[in-house]
Amino acid sequence: MDATAFLRELTQYGYAVSRAGDRLLVSPKSRVNERLRARLRTYKPALLALLADASEPPSSVEADTDRSLPRRSDPPPLSEEEHEAILEAIAERAAIREMEGSQSRSFAEREARAAMRVYRVLLETTPGRAHWATLILPGCNQAEATTHARRRWRSSRILALVTKELDEGDLR
C-alpha cells in the first residue's frame, strides 16, 4: 500500500489528516490507537511528502479542473467566484437574522461573518489526479464538514479536508 492509498483508507474511516511543519495532524485524536499510530509512523515521510512540498509554489486551481495530485497541504487561494459566494452567503445569513431575528443590519452582518466557515476538500478525480473543492458551511465545525463532504462526494475520493481561515481580504 502506498501513501495515497493509506490516506484514502484513513479518510474512509473518518480521519482527517493534515500537515503542520514536520508533524502529521490526525483527527479525531481520540480514535488513534497504538496500531494506527505505528502505521502512521511507517507512512509519515511519504504522507508528509504527499501533503506538502515547499519547493512547489502555490497554484490557483478552479474547483472543476483536474490536475496532477497536489503535493501541498495548502490549497490554492480562493478564486474570485469563491469570494463572491462567501460574501453572498454572509449577506443571505445576515438578511435572515435581520428579518427573523429582529436584529440590526450591522449586528446581523457581524454575527453572520463570525459564523462563516469555509472548508477546502482535496478530492481524487482519477488515480493520481486531484483537485481542491470549496465548501461554504456557516456554523459547521470540522466534524460536521467532514460528514457533509462524505455525503456530497464518496469517502474514497476525499484525500484531505482543511479549514480555510478567513481574513478581512476574504470578507470584502
Protein backbone atom coordinates (compact mmCIF):
# COMPACT_ATOMS: atom_id res chain seq x y z
CA MET A 1 0.00 0.00 0.00
CA ASP A 2 1.35 3.44 -0.89
CA ALA A 3 0.80 6.72 0.98
CA THR A 4 -2.09 7.78 -1.26
CA ALA A 5 -3.93 4.51 -0.62
CA PHE A 6 -3.25 4.79 3.13
CA LEU A 7 -4.53 8.39 3.16
CA ARG A 8 -7.63 7.29 1.27
CA GLU A 9 -8.17 4.48 3.80
CA LEU A 10 -7.87 6.93 6.70
CA THR A 11 -10.48 9.25 5.20
CA GLN A 12 -12.82 6.31 4.56
CA TYR A 13 -12.64 5.53 8.27
CA GLY A 14 -13.44 9.12 9.22
CA TYR A 15 -10.00 10.53 9.93
CA ALA A 16 -8.83 13.94 8.73
CA VAL A 17 -5.08 14.16 8.08
CA SER A 18 -3.12 17.37 7.63
CA ARG A 19 0.42 18.62 7.97
CA ALA A 20 1.83 21.19 10.39
CA GLY A 21 5.51 21.62 9.62
CA ASP A 22 7.13 18.21 10.08
CA ARG A 23 4.19 16.84 12.08
CA LEU A 24 1.14 14.92 10.94
CA LEU A 25 -2.14 16.01 12.49
CA VAL A 26 -4.80 13.31 12.66
CA SER A 27 -8.31 13.87 13.96
CA PRO A 28 -10.25 12.75 15.78
CA LYS A 29 -7.26 12.20 18.04
CA SER A 30 -9.33 10.17 20.50
CA ARG A 31 -9.69 7.35 17.92
CA VAL A 32 -5.96 6.98 17.20
CA ASN A 33 -4.87 3.71 18.81
CA GLU A 34 -1.37 2.22 19.05
CA ARG A 35 -1.78 0.12 15.91
CA LEU A 36 -2.78 3.15 13.86
CA ARG A 37 -0.04 5.24 15.48
CA ALA A 38 2.53 2.63 14.35
CA ARG A 39 1.17 2.69 10.78
CA LEU A 40 1.28 6.49 10.79
CA ARG A 41 4.94 6.37 11.84
CA THR A 42 5.67 3.97 8.98
CA TYR A 43 3.99 6.18 6.38
CA LYS A 44 4.91 9.54 7.92
CA PRO A 45 7.67 10.54 5.45
CA ALA A 46 5.53 9.64 2.45
CA LEU A 47 2.44 11.33 3.90
CA LEU A 48 4.40 14.50 4.65
CA ALA A 49 5.72 14.48 1.09
CA LEU A 50 2.22 13.93 -0.27
CA LEU A 51 0.68 16.70 1.84
CA ALA A 52 3.36 19.31 1.26
CA ASP A 53 6.31 20.15 -0.88
CA ALA A 54 7.71 23.58 -0.06
CA SER A 55 9.57 23.79 -3.37
CA GLU A 56 6.28 23.79 -5.26
CA PRO A 57 4.70 27.27 -5.49
CA PRO A 58 1.02 27.65 -4.67
CA SER A 59 -1.22 27.48 -7.70
CA SER A 60 -4.69 28.66 -8.46
CA VAL A 61 -6.96 25.78 -9.41
CA GLU A 62 -10.58 26.01 -10.48
CA ALA A 63 -12.79 23.67 -8.47
CA ASP A 64 -13.77 21.68 -11.54
CA THR A 65 -10.30 21.45 -13.11
CA ASP A 66 -8.25 18.27 -12.83
CA ARG A 67 -4.53 18.50 -12.28
CA SER A 68 -1.73 16.30 -11.09
CA LEU A 69 -2.08 15.27 -7.48
CA PRO A 70 -1.12 18.33 -5.40
CA ARG A 71 1.81 17.79 -3.07
CA ARG A 72 0.97 20.68 -0.77
CA SER A 73 -1.04 20.82 2.39
CA ASP A 74 -2.16 24.33 1.49
CA PRO A 75 -4.98 24.65 -1.02
CA PRO A 76 -4.71 27.34 -3.69
CA PRO A 77 -6.07 30.82 -2.92
CA LEU A 78 -9.81 31.30 -3.17
CA SER A 79 -10.99 32.30 -6.63
CA GLU A 80 -12.97 35.48 -7.25
CA GLU A 81 -16.11 33.35 -7.68
CA GLU A 82 -15.49 31.67 -4.31
CA HIS A 83 -15.02 35.06 -2.63
CA GLU A 84 -18.31 36.22 -4.16
CA ALA A 85 -20.08 33.05 -2.98
CA ILE A 86 -18.81 33.60 0.58
CA LEU A 87 -19.98 37.23 0.58
CA GLU A 88 -23.34 36.16 -0.84
CA ALA A 89 -23.73 33.53 1.90
CA ILE A 90 -22.90 36.13 4.56
CA ALA A 91 -25.40 38.62 3.10
CA GLU A 92 -28.08 35.93 2.95
CA ARG A 93 -27.47 34.86 6.56
CA ALA A 94 -27.45 38.48 7.71
CA ALA A 95 -30.75 39.18 5.93
CA ILE A 96 -32.35 36.14 7.59
CA ARG A 97 -31.06 37.22 11.02
CA GLU A 98 -32.29 40.76 10.41
CA MET A 99 -35.77 39.71 9.30
CA GLU A 100 -36.43 36.68 11.51
CA GLY A 101 -34.29 37.61 14.49
CA SER A 102 -35.22 41.29 14.62
CA GLN A 103 -31.52 42.19 14.70
CA SER A 104 -30.00 45.40 13.38
CA ARG A 105 -28.34 45.01 9.98
CA SER A 106 -24.85 45.76 11.33
CA PHE A 107 -25.23 43.25 14.20
CA ALA A 108 -26.67 40.62 11.85
CA GLU A 109 -23.73 41.07 9.45
CA ARG A 110 -21.17 40.77 12.28
CA GLU A 111 -22.83 37.58 13.52
CA ALA A 112 -23.07 36.13 10.01
CA ARG A 113 -19.36 36.85 9.41
CA ALA A 114 -18.42 35.28 12.75
CA ALA A 115 -20.40 32.13 11.94
CA MET A 116 -18.99 31.75 8.41
CA ARG A 117 -16.94 28.57 7.93
CA VAL A 118 -15.14 27.62 4.74
CA TYR A 119 -13.51 24.24 4.18
CA ARG A 120 -11.23 23.12 1.36
CA VAL A 121 -11.50 19.49 0.29
CA LEU A 122 -8.84 17.68 -1.73
CA LEU A 123 -10.69 15.25 -4.00
CA GLU A 124 -9.20 12.46 -6.04
CA THR A 125 -10.70 12.70 -9.53
CA THR A 126 -8.89 9.73 -11.09
CA PRO A 127 -5.99 7.67 -9.71
CA GLY A 128 -3.09 10.07 -9.25
CA ARG A 129 -5.11 13.20 -10.09
CA ALA A 130 -6.91 15.51 -7.69
CA HIS A 131 -8.30 18.99 -7.26
CA TRP A 132 -9.36 21.26 -4.41
CA ALA A 133 -13.06 21.97 -3.91
CA THR A 134 -14.56 24.55 -1.57
CA LEU A 135 -17.39 24.03 0.92
CA ILE A 136 -19.14 27.07 2.42
CA LEU A 137 -20.83 25.85 5.60
CA PRO A 138 -21.85 28.60 8.03
CA GLY A 139 -21.82 27.42 11.63
CA CYS A 140 -20.37 23.95 10.92
CA ASN A 141 -17.36 22.53 12.73
CA GLN A 142 -14.79 20.28 11.05
CA ALA A 143 -16.57 17.05 12.02
CA GLU A 144 -19.83 18.33 10.50
CA ALA A 145 -17.94 19.49 7.41
CA THR A 146 -16.41 16.02 7.05
CA THR A 147 -19.88 14.44 7.26
CA HIS A 148 -21.20 16.91 4.69
CA ALA A 149 -18.25 16.23 2.35
CA ARG A 150 -18.82 12.48 2.60
CA ARG A 151 -22.46 12.92 1.68
CA ARG A 152 -21.57 15.10 -1.29
CA TRP A 153 -18.63 13.02 -2.56
CA ARG A 154 -17.74 9.39 -1.96
CA SER A 155 -15.48 8.97 1.08
CA SER A 156 -12.92 7.19 -1.07
CA ARG A 157 -12.41 10.38 -3.13
CA ILE A 158 -11.67 12.64 -0.14
CA LEU A 159 -7.92 12.87 0.46
CA ALA A 160 -7.91 15.83 2.85
CA LEU A 161 -10.23 18.40 4.40
CA VAL A 162 -8.80 21.62 5.80
CA THR A 163 -10.37 24.67 7.39
CA LYS A 164 -9.86 27.89 5.45
CA GLU A 165 -9.23 30.63 7.99
CA LEU A 166 -10.98 33.71 6.65
CA ASP A 167 -9.22 37.06 6.85
CA GLU A 168 -10.51 40.52 6.08
CA GLY A 169 -9.46 40.16 2.43
CA ASP A 170 -11.81 37.18 2.09
CA LEU A 171 -14.71 39.14 3.57
CA ARG A 172 -14.64 42.22 1.30
